[in-house]
Amino acid sequence: MNLSHAQNAGIQSIPVATQTAPKAEDASAQLMQAVLQSGYGSADVLRLGTTQRPSPSQGEVIVRVHSAAIDRGTWHLMTGRPYLMRMMGFGFSAPKNPIPGLDLSGTVVEVGAGVTRFKKGDQVFGIGAGSFAEFAKAREDKLAHAPKAVPLNTAAALGVSALTAIQALRDHAKVEQGDHVLIIGASGGVGTFAVQIAKALGAEVTAVCSSSKVEMVRSLGAARVFDYTREKFYESGEKYDAILDIAGNTPIAQLRRVMTPEGRLVFIGNEHGGDYTAGFGRQIWAMMLSPFTKQRFAMMMAREHFEDLEAIAQMVEKGQIRPAVDRVCSLGEVPAALTDMEAGHIRGKVIVRVEDNLPSERG
């Protein structure tokens, strides 16, 4: 019904000037600063900007992000490599979620329908969608209450990497008291947690990393550390009950030679393959060997679930694990940190402090 029809029908129209319009302050309150990703590529596809705050769906909460953290998965989602992941539903020409970031810690500010484990004001950590922002949404089953033994910003480092490490060691490598465990790539996010978790499980840990990271890895509990730039671990004559190969490229034959007859080998990622499939040739070859040997091989992707996040929090409370923090950066410094990760310059985790003193927007 248009205005003239309303007047003719005796309906009093409301002057436009008196209609309720959104207040400017209300509109601005629905905006937030975030790292935005325009497409796939190197760090120059990222910029600091302003976007709409998220709203929770069924089973989700909104977290005011205190801190986030950088992990290898975020780098893959930035570059869009391997290309296979684009066909797996992450977005073909650009990521479905334009805000990167997975790890987070912060305070619940909004609760969606059906949520029972959290309420407004709870401090949490875990895995969210777009954590490089002032606010992020997260599924209830991908969060846990933040441990009190570490500062809230440090808890941001506990999500993806610690979750991957505990599942690799406990569920796939079946590490037990007295096992000899080899961790290849021990200085990164997953590796630094794996060294500590393996020791907490009662294993004797041998680690492999580069020269500049040897002392840091030893301080986390490794009984022996190989500097791969100077020595070859597979020439030492030692045998291992379990091996975690974190983004390594050692040939299967050399890995098998240092495994016990019933040893377990777990592959976690692969950064040395092609753009299309990430070079899973070693893993495929290992799977083909499985029927003909007592040695066991596994490829894994972490299961993102609160039960293991709670187990991690308990280990933190007991003093068994702690994040190895390379540095703390701002939202505006995320691109540089991801570039450093690609170059292998990061030791442990980079924490992204979101809550205070956000830098101005960059073009």
Protein backbone atom coordinates (compact mmCIF):
# COMPACT_ATOMS: atom_id res chain seq x y z
CA MET A 1 0.00 0.00 0.00
CA ASN A 2 1.54 3.34 -1.04
CA LEU A 3 1.18 6.64 0.82
CA SER A 4 -1.83 7.96 -1.17
CA HIS A 5 -3.70 4.68 -0.68
CA ALA A 6 -3.05 4.88 3.07
CA GLN A 7 -4.36 8.42 3.27
CA ASN A 8 -7.45 7.56 1.26
CA ALA A 9 -8.14 4.64 3.58
CA GLY A 10 -8.04 6.90 6.59
CA ILE A 11 -4.77 5.52 7.84
CA GLN A 12 -2.52 8.12 9.41
CA SER A 13 0.92 7.98 7.86
CA ILE A 14 4.06 8.47 9.90
CA PRO A 15 6.21 11.33 8.69
CA VAL A 16 9.59 10.16 7.46
CA ALA A 17 11.36 12.46 9.86
CA THR A 18 9.86 10.67 12.87
CA GLN A 19 10.63 7.10 11.78
CA THR A 20 13.13 5.28 13.95
CA ALA A 21 16.55 5.09 12.30
CA PRO A 22 19.60 3.23 13.57
CA LYS A 23 21.73 5.48 15.70
CA ALA A 24 25.25 6.02 14.44
CA GLU A 25 26.70 4.72 17.69
CA ASP A 26 24.54 1.56 17.44
CA ALA A 27 25.78 0.88 13.92
CA SER A 28 29.40 1.42 14.88
CA ALA A 29 28.97 -0.92 17.84
CA GLN A 30 28.25 -3.73 15.39
CA LEU A 31 31.59 -3.24 13.64
CA MET A 32 34.97 -4.61 14.66
CA GLN A 33 38.56 -4.51 13.56
CA ALA A 34 39.90 -7.66 11.95
CA VAL A 35 42.54 -9.03 9.63
CA LEU A 36 40.77 -9.42 6.27
CA GLN A 37 41.79 -11.76 3.46
CA SER A 38 40.87 -10.81 -0.12
CA GLY A 39 41.99 -14.04 -1.78
CA TYR A 40 44.68 -16.73 -1.71
CA GLY A 41 48.34 -15.88 -1.87
CA SER A 42 51.27 -14.61 0.18
CA ALA A 43 50.89 -12.31 3.18
CA ASP A 44 50.04 -9.34 0.97
CA VAL A 45 46.48 -10.68 0.60
CA LEU A 46 45.93 -9.69 4.25
CA ARG A 47 45.05 -6.22 5.53
CA LEU A 48 43.73 -4.72 8.72
CA GLY A 49 40.20 -3.39 8.26
CA THR A 50 36.70 -3.06 9.67
CA THR A 51 33.91 -5.57 9.24
CA GLN A 52 30.63 -6.70 10.75
CA ARG A 53 30.64 -8.46 14.11
CA PRO A 54 29.56 -12.12 13.90
CA SER A 55 26.35 -13.48 15.41
CA PRO A 56 26.04 -16.95 16.95
CA SER A 57 24.09 -19.77 15.34
CA GLN A 58 22.77 -22.88 17.05
CA GLY A 59 25.44 -24.34 19.34
CA GLU A 60 27.81 -21.38 18.94
CA VAL A 61 29.09 -18.60 21.19
CA ILE A 62 30.66 -15.23 20.44
CA VAL A 63 34.04 -14.69 22.07
CA ARG A 64 35.56 -11.29 22.66
CA VAL A 65 39.04 -12.27 21.57
CA HIS A 66 41.76 -11.48 24.06
CA SER A 67 44.46 -13.15 21.99
CA ALA A 68 44.81 -15.42 18.99
CA ALA A 69 47.76 -17.50 17.80
CA ILE A 70 49.34 -18.46 14.51
CA ASP A 71 49.44 -22.08 13.36
CA ARG A 72 50.40 -23.88 10.17
CA GLY A 73 46.75 -24.40 9.21
CA THR A 74 46.27 -20.62 9.06
CA TRP A 75 49.18 -20.39 6.62
CA HIS A 76 47.57 -23.05 4.40
CA LEU A 77 44.26 -21.17 4.44
CA MET A 78 46.10 -17.97 3.49
CA THR A 79 47.96 -19.49 0.53
CA GLY A 80 45.20 -21.87 -0.57
CA ARG A 81 47.79 -24.63 -0.90
CA PRO A 82 47.66 -27.47 -1.46
CA TYR A 83 44.98 -26.84 -4.08
CA LEU A 84 43.24 -30.01 -2.97
CA MET A 85 41.94 -28.17 0.09
CA ARG A 86 40.04 -25.73 -2.12
CA MET A 87 38.07 -28.64 -3.55
CA MET A 88 37.40 -29.89 -0.03
CA GLY A 89 35.09 -26.96 0.68
CA PHE A 90 37.35 -24.18 1.97
CA GLY A 91 36.63 -21.95 -1.03
CA PHE A 92 37.86 -22.22 -4.60
CA SER A 93 39.11 -18.75 -5.57
CA ALA A 94 39.01 -17.22 -2.08
CA PRO A 95 38.42 -18.54 1.44
CA LYS A 96 34.79 -18.81 2.52
CA ASN A 97 35.65 -17.03 5.74
CA PRO A 98 37.37 -13.72 4.87
CA ILE A 99 38.82 -13.46 8.40
CA PRO A 100 41.75 -15.85 9.04
CA GLY A 101 42.75 -17.32 12.38
CA LEU A 102 41.83 -20.46 14.34
CA ASP A 103 43.44 -20.41 17.80
CA LEU A 104 41.89 -18.06 20.34
CA SER A 105 41.40 -17.20 23.99
CA GLY A 106 38.95 -14.69 25.40
CA THR A 107 35.63 -14.05 27.11
CA VAL A 108 32.20 -15.30 26.07
CA VAL A 109 29.95 -12.29 25.36
CA GLU A 110 27.01 -13.92 23.57
CA VAL A 111 25.52 -17.40 23.71
CA GLY A 112 23.57 -19.03 20.89
CA ALA A 113 20.59 -21.34 21.17
CA GLY A 114 21.28 -24.78 22.61
CA VAL A 115 24.57 -23.88 24.30
CA THR A 116 24.86 -25.49 27.75
CA ARG A 117 28.57 -25.55 28.62
CA PHE A 118 29.23 -21.80 28.67
CA LYS A 119 27.63 -18.58 29.81
CA LYS A 120 28.41 -14.90 29.33
CA GLY A 121 31.59 -13.93 31.16
CA ASP A 122 33.31 -17.34 30.94
CA GLN A 123 36.98 -17.25 29.96
CA VAL A 124 37.68 -19.84 27.27
CA PHE A 125 40.29 -21.09 24.82
CA GLY A 126 40.17 -23.31 21.79
CA ILE A 127 39.35 -23.06 18.10
CA GLY A 128 37.14 -20.46 16.49
CA ALA A 129 36.23 -19.12 13.05
CA GLY A 130 38.18 -15.98 12.22
CA SER A 131 40.12 -15.37 15.43
CA PHE A 132 42.25 -12.51 14.04
CA ALA A 133 39.49 -10.10 15.05
CA GLU A 134 38.01 -8.37 18.07
CA PHE A 135 35.15 -10.89 18.13
CA ALA A 136 34.96 -14.44 16.78
CA LYS A 137 32.33 -17.14 16.77
CA ALA A 138 33.14 -20.65 17.89
CA ARG A 139 31.27 -23.88 18.26
CA GLU A 140 30.62 -24.85 21.84
CA ASP A 141 32.27 -28.25 21.33
CA LYS A 142 35.54 -26.63 20.17
CA LEU A 143 36.12 -24.63 23.36
CA ALA A 144 37.16 -25.33 26.93
CA HIS A 145 37.45 -23.21 30.06
CA ALA A 146 40.81 -21.46 30.14
CA PRO A 147 43.36 -22.91 32.61
CA LYS A 148 44.26 -20.59 35.45
CA ALA A 149 47.91 -21.66 35.56
CA VAL A 150 48.80 -19.46 32.57
CA PRO A 151 47.71 -15.93 31.59
CA LEU A 152 44.66 -15.76 29.32
CA ASN A 153 46.70 -14.47 26.39
CA THR A 154 49.06 -17.46 26.65
CA ALA A 155 46.12 -19.88 26.56
CA ALA A 156 45.52 -18.82 22.94
CA ALA A 157 48.52 -20.93 21.94
CA LEU A 158 46.99 -24.15 23.29
CA GLY A 159 44.35 -24.88 20.66
CA VAL A 160 45.29 -26.42 17.30
CA SER A 161 48.92 -27.32 18.03
CA ALA A 162 48.53 -28.94 21.45
CA LEU A 163 45.40 -30.75 20.27
CA THR A 164 47.31 -32.20 17.31
CA ALA A 165 50.25 -33.23 19.50
CA ILE A 166 48.22 -35.06 22.15
CA GLN A 167 46.16 -36.98 19.60
CA ALA A 168 49.24 -37.92 17.58
CA LEU A 169 51.08 -39.31 20.60
CA ARG A 170 48.26 -40.84 22.62
CA ASP A 171 45.82 -42.07 19.95
CA HIS A 172 47.97 -42.79 16.90
CA ALA A 173 51.50 -43.47 18.18
CA LYS A 174 50.13 -45.20 21.32
CA VAL A 175 52.99 -43.82 23.41
CA GLU A 176 53.40 -45.49 26.80
CA GLN A 177 55.68 -45.27 29.82
CA GLY A 178 59.26 -46.17 28.88
CA ASP A 179 58.87 -45.72 25.11
CA HIS A 180 61.63 -44.08 23.09
CA VAL A 181 60.04 -41.37 20.97
CA LEU A 182 61.58 -39.42 18.08
CA ILE A 183 60.03 -36.07 17.15
CA ILE A 184 61.14 -34.66 13.79
CA GLY A 185 60.36 -30.96 13.54
CA ALA A 186 60.35 -30.41 17.29
CA SER A 187 60.69 -26.62 17.34
CA GLY A 188 57.37 -25.59 15.78
CA GLY A 189 53.94 -25.23 17.32
CA VAL A 190 53.04 -28.93 17.29
CA GLY A 191 56.60 -30.08 17.96
CA THR A 192 57.15 -28.02 21.11
CA PHE A 193 53.97 -29.43 22.63
CA ALA A 194 54.79 -32.96 21.43
CA VAL A 195 58.14 -32.95 23.27
CA GLN A 196 56.43 -32.01 26.53
CA ILE A 197 53.43 -34.32 26.15
CA ALA A 198 55.59 -37.31 25.26
CA LYS A 199 57.68 -36.70 28.37
CA ALA A 200 54.51 -36.37 30.46
CA LEU A 201 53.38 -39.75 29.11
CA GLY A 202 56.59 -41.27 30.45
CA ALA A 203 58.59 -41.48 27.23
CA GLU A 204 62.25 -40.70 26.62
CA VAL A 205 62.26 -38.01 23.93
CA THR A 206 64.75 -37.46 21.13
CA ALA A 207 64.13 -34.38 18.98
CA VAL A 208 65.26 -33.06 15.60
CA CYS A 209 65.45 -29.33 14.79
CA SER A 210 67.80 -26.65 13.42
CA SER A 211 70.84 -25.16 15.17
CA SER A 212 69.24 -22.00 16.53
CA LYS A 213 66.45 -23.96 18.22
CA VAL A 214 68.38 -26.79 19.90
CA GLU A 215 68.61 -25.22 23.36
CA MET A 216 64.94 -24.22 23.38
CA VAL A 217 63.85 -27.77 22.49
CA ARG A 218 66.20 -29.25 25.10
CA SER A 219 64.68 -26.95 27.73
CA LEU A 220 61.25 -28.46 27.01
CA GLY A 221 62.42 -31.91 28.09
CA ALA A 222 64.13 -33.62 25.16
CA ALA A 223 66.83 -36.00 26.40
CA ARG A 224 68.74 -35.65 23.13
CA VAL A 225 68.44 -33.13 20.31
CA PHE A 226 69.81 -33.64 16.78
CA ASP A 227 70.76 -30.53 14.84
CA TYR A 228 69.74 -31.63 11.37
CA THR A 229 72.10 -29.14 9.73
CA ARG A 230 75.09 -30.98 11.25
CA GLU A 231 74.09 -34.58 11.91
CA LYS A 232 71.74 -37.24 10.56
CA PHE A 233 69.54 -38.88 13.18
CA TYR A 234 69.10 -41.99 11.03
CA GLU A 235 72.85 -42.68 11.20
CA SER A 236 72.99 -42.76 15.01
CA GLY A 237 72.07 -46.44 15.38
CA GLU A 238 69.26 -45.63 17.84
CA LYS A 239 65.85 -47.30 17.60
CA TYR A 240 62.52 -45.71 18.44
CA ASP A 241 59.18 -47.14 19.49
CA ALA A 242 57.34 -44.15 18.01
CA ILE A 243 58.20 -41.41 15.54
CA LEU A 244 56.28 -38.19 14.90
CA ASP A 245 57.25 -36.78 11.51
CA ILE A 246 56.02 -33.20 11.61
CA ALA A 247 56.30 -31.67 8.15
CA GLY A 248 59.45 -33.66 7.41
CA ASN A 249 60.73 -35.17 4.17
CA THR A 250 62.96 -38.05 5.33
CA PRO A 251 62.55 -41.07 3.01
CA ILE A 252 60.42 -43.92 4.35
CA ALA A 253 63.31 -46.39 4.13
CA GLN A 254 65.45 -44.25 6.44
CA LEU A 255 62.62 -43.81 8.92
CA ARG A 256 61.93 -47.54 9.00
CA ARG A 257 65.57 -48.28 9.78
CA VAL A 258 65.36 -46.37 13.06
CA MET A 259 62.02 -47.90 14.09
CA THR A 260 61.74 -50.94 16.34
CA PRO A 261 60.18 -54.05 14.69
CA GLU A 262 56.76 -52.97 15.98
CA GLY A 263 57.39 -49.23 15.94
CA ARG A 264 54.74 -46.65 15.07
CA LEU A 265 55.24 -43.78 12.62
CA VAL A 266 52.78 -40.85 12.53
CA PHE A 267 52.84 -38.27 9.74
CA ILE A 268 51.65 -34.80 10.71
CA GLY A 269 51.41 -32.52 7.69
CA ASN A 270 53.83 -32.23 4.82
CA GLU A 271 55.35 -28.93 3.73
CA HIS A 272 57.71 -30.36 1.12
CA GLY A 273 55.26 -31.55 -1.53
CA GLY A 274 53.62 -30.01 -4.57
CA ASP A 275 50.95 -27.35 -4.75
CA TYR A 276 48.24 -29.81 -5.71
CA THR A 277 48.41 -32.64 -3.18
CA ALA A 278 51.14 -31.45 -0.74
CA GLY A 279 53.29 -34.43 -1.75
CA PHE A 280 51.64 -37.26 0.14
CA GLY A 281 53.71 -39.83 -1.74
CA ARG A 282 55.60 -40.97 1.36
CA GLN A 283 52.40 -41.46 3.30
CA ILE A 284 50.75 -43.39 0.51
CA TRP A 285 53.81 -45.60 0.15
CA ALA A 286 53.81 -46.25 3.90
CA MET A 287 50.14 -47.27 3.82
CA MET A 288 50.89 -49.71 1.01
CA LEU A 289 53.63 -51.29 3.14
CA SER A 290 51.39 -51.76 6.18
CA PRO A 291 50.03 -55.24 5.28
CA PHE A 292 53.58 -56.60 4.95
CA THR A 293 55.17 -55.40 8.20
CA LYS A 294 54.52 -55.23 11.92
CA GLN A 295 55.55 -51.62 11.87
CA ARG A 296 52.56 -49.29 11.86
CA PHE A 297 52.03 -46.06 9.90
CA ALA A 298 49.37 -43.40 10.30
CA MET A 299 48.38 -40.11 8.72
CA MET A 300 46.35 -37.87 10.95
CA MET A 301 44.19 -34.79 11.02
CA ALA A 302 43.34 -33.48 14.46
CA ARG A 303 39.81 -33.95 15.76
CA GLU A 304 38.70 -30.61 17.15
CA HIS A 305 36.80 -31.48 20.31
CA PHE A 306 36.52 -30.04 23.80
CA GLU A 307 37.38 -33.29 25.59
CA ASP A 308 40.99 -33.12 24.46
CA LEU A 309 41.11 -29.37 25.05
CA GLU A 310 40.08 -30.09 28.63
CA ALA A 311 42.82 -32.73 28.89
CA ILE A 312 45.32 -30.14 27.68
CA ALA A 313 44.08 -27.63 30.25
CA GLN A 314 44.58 -30.24 33.00
CA MET A 315 48.17 -30.83 31.84
CA VAL A 316 48.78 -27.10 31.97
CA GLU A 317 47.35 -26.91 35.50
CA LYS A 318 49.68 -29.74 36.57
CA GLY A 319 52.69 -27.96 35.11
CA GLN A 320 53.33 -30.71 32.55
CA ILE A 321 53.12 -28.48 29.47
CA ARG A 322 53.47 -24.80 28.68
CA PRO A 323 53.36 -22.91 25.40
CA ALA A 324 56.74 -22.05 23.93
CA VAL A 325 56.12 -18.45 22.82
CA ASP A 326 58.34 -16.95 20.13
CA ARG A 327 56.81 -13.49 20.47
CA VAL A 328 53.62 -11.50 20.92
CA CYS A 329 52.45 -9.37 18.00
CA SER A 330 49.51 -7.10 17.12
CA LEU A 331 46.82 -7.72 14.52
CA GLY A 332 48.69 -5.48 12.11
CA GLU A 333 51.80 -7.63 12.43
CA VAL A 334 50.07 -10.90 11.48
CA PRO A 335 51.25 -10.84 7.83
CA ALA A 336 54.88 -10.50 8.88
CA ALA A 337 54.53 -13.30 11.41
CA LEU A 338 53.06 -15.64 8.79
CA THR A 339 55.93 -14.78 6.45
CA ASP A 340 58.39 -15.66 9.22
CA MET A 341 56.59 -18.96 9.77
CA GLU A 342 56.95 -19.86 6.10
CA ALA A 343 60.67 -19.04 6.28
CA GLY A 344 61.13 -21.28 9.34
CA HIS A 345 62.02 -18.43 11.70
CA ILE A 346 59.39 -19.15 14.35
CA ARG A 347 60.20 -21.09 17.52
CA GLY A 348 57.03 -22.46 19.05
CA LYS A 349 54.01 -20.16 18.78
CA VAL A 350 53.36 -16.53 17.91
CA ILE A 351 50.59 -15.00 20.04
CA VAL A 352 48.47 -12.27 18.48
CA ARG A 353 47.35 -9.79 21.13
CA VAL A 354 43.95 -8.48 20.00
CA GLU A 355 42.38 -6.78 22.99
CA ASP A 356 44.52 -3.70 23.59
CA ASN A 357 46.06 -0.96 21.46
CA LEU A 358 45.01 -2.11 18.02
CA PRO A 359 47.05 -0.42 15.28
CA SER A 360 45.33 1.82 12.75
CA GLU A 361 43.94 0.39 9.53
CA ARG A 362 46.36 -0.21 6.70
CA GLY A 363 45.43 0.21 3.06
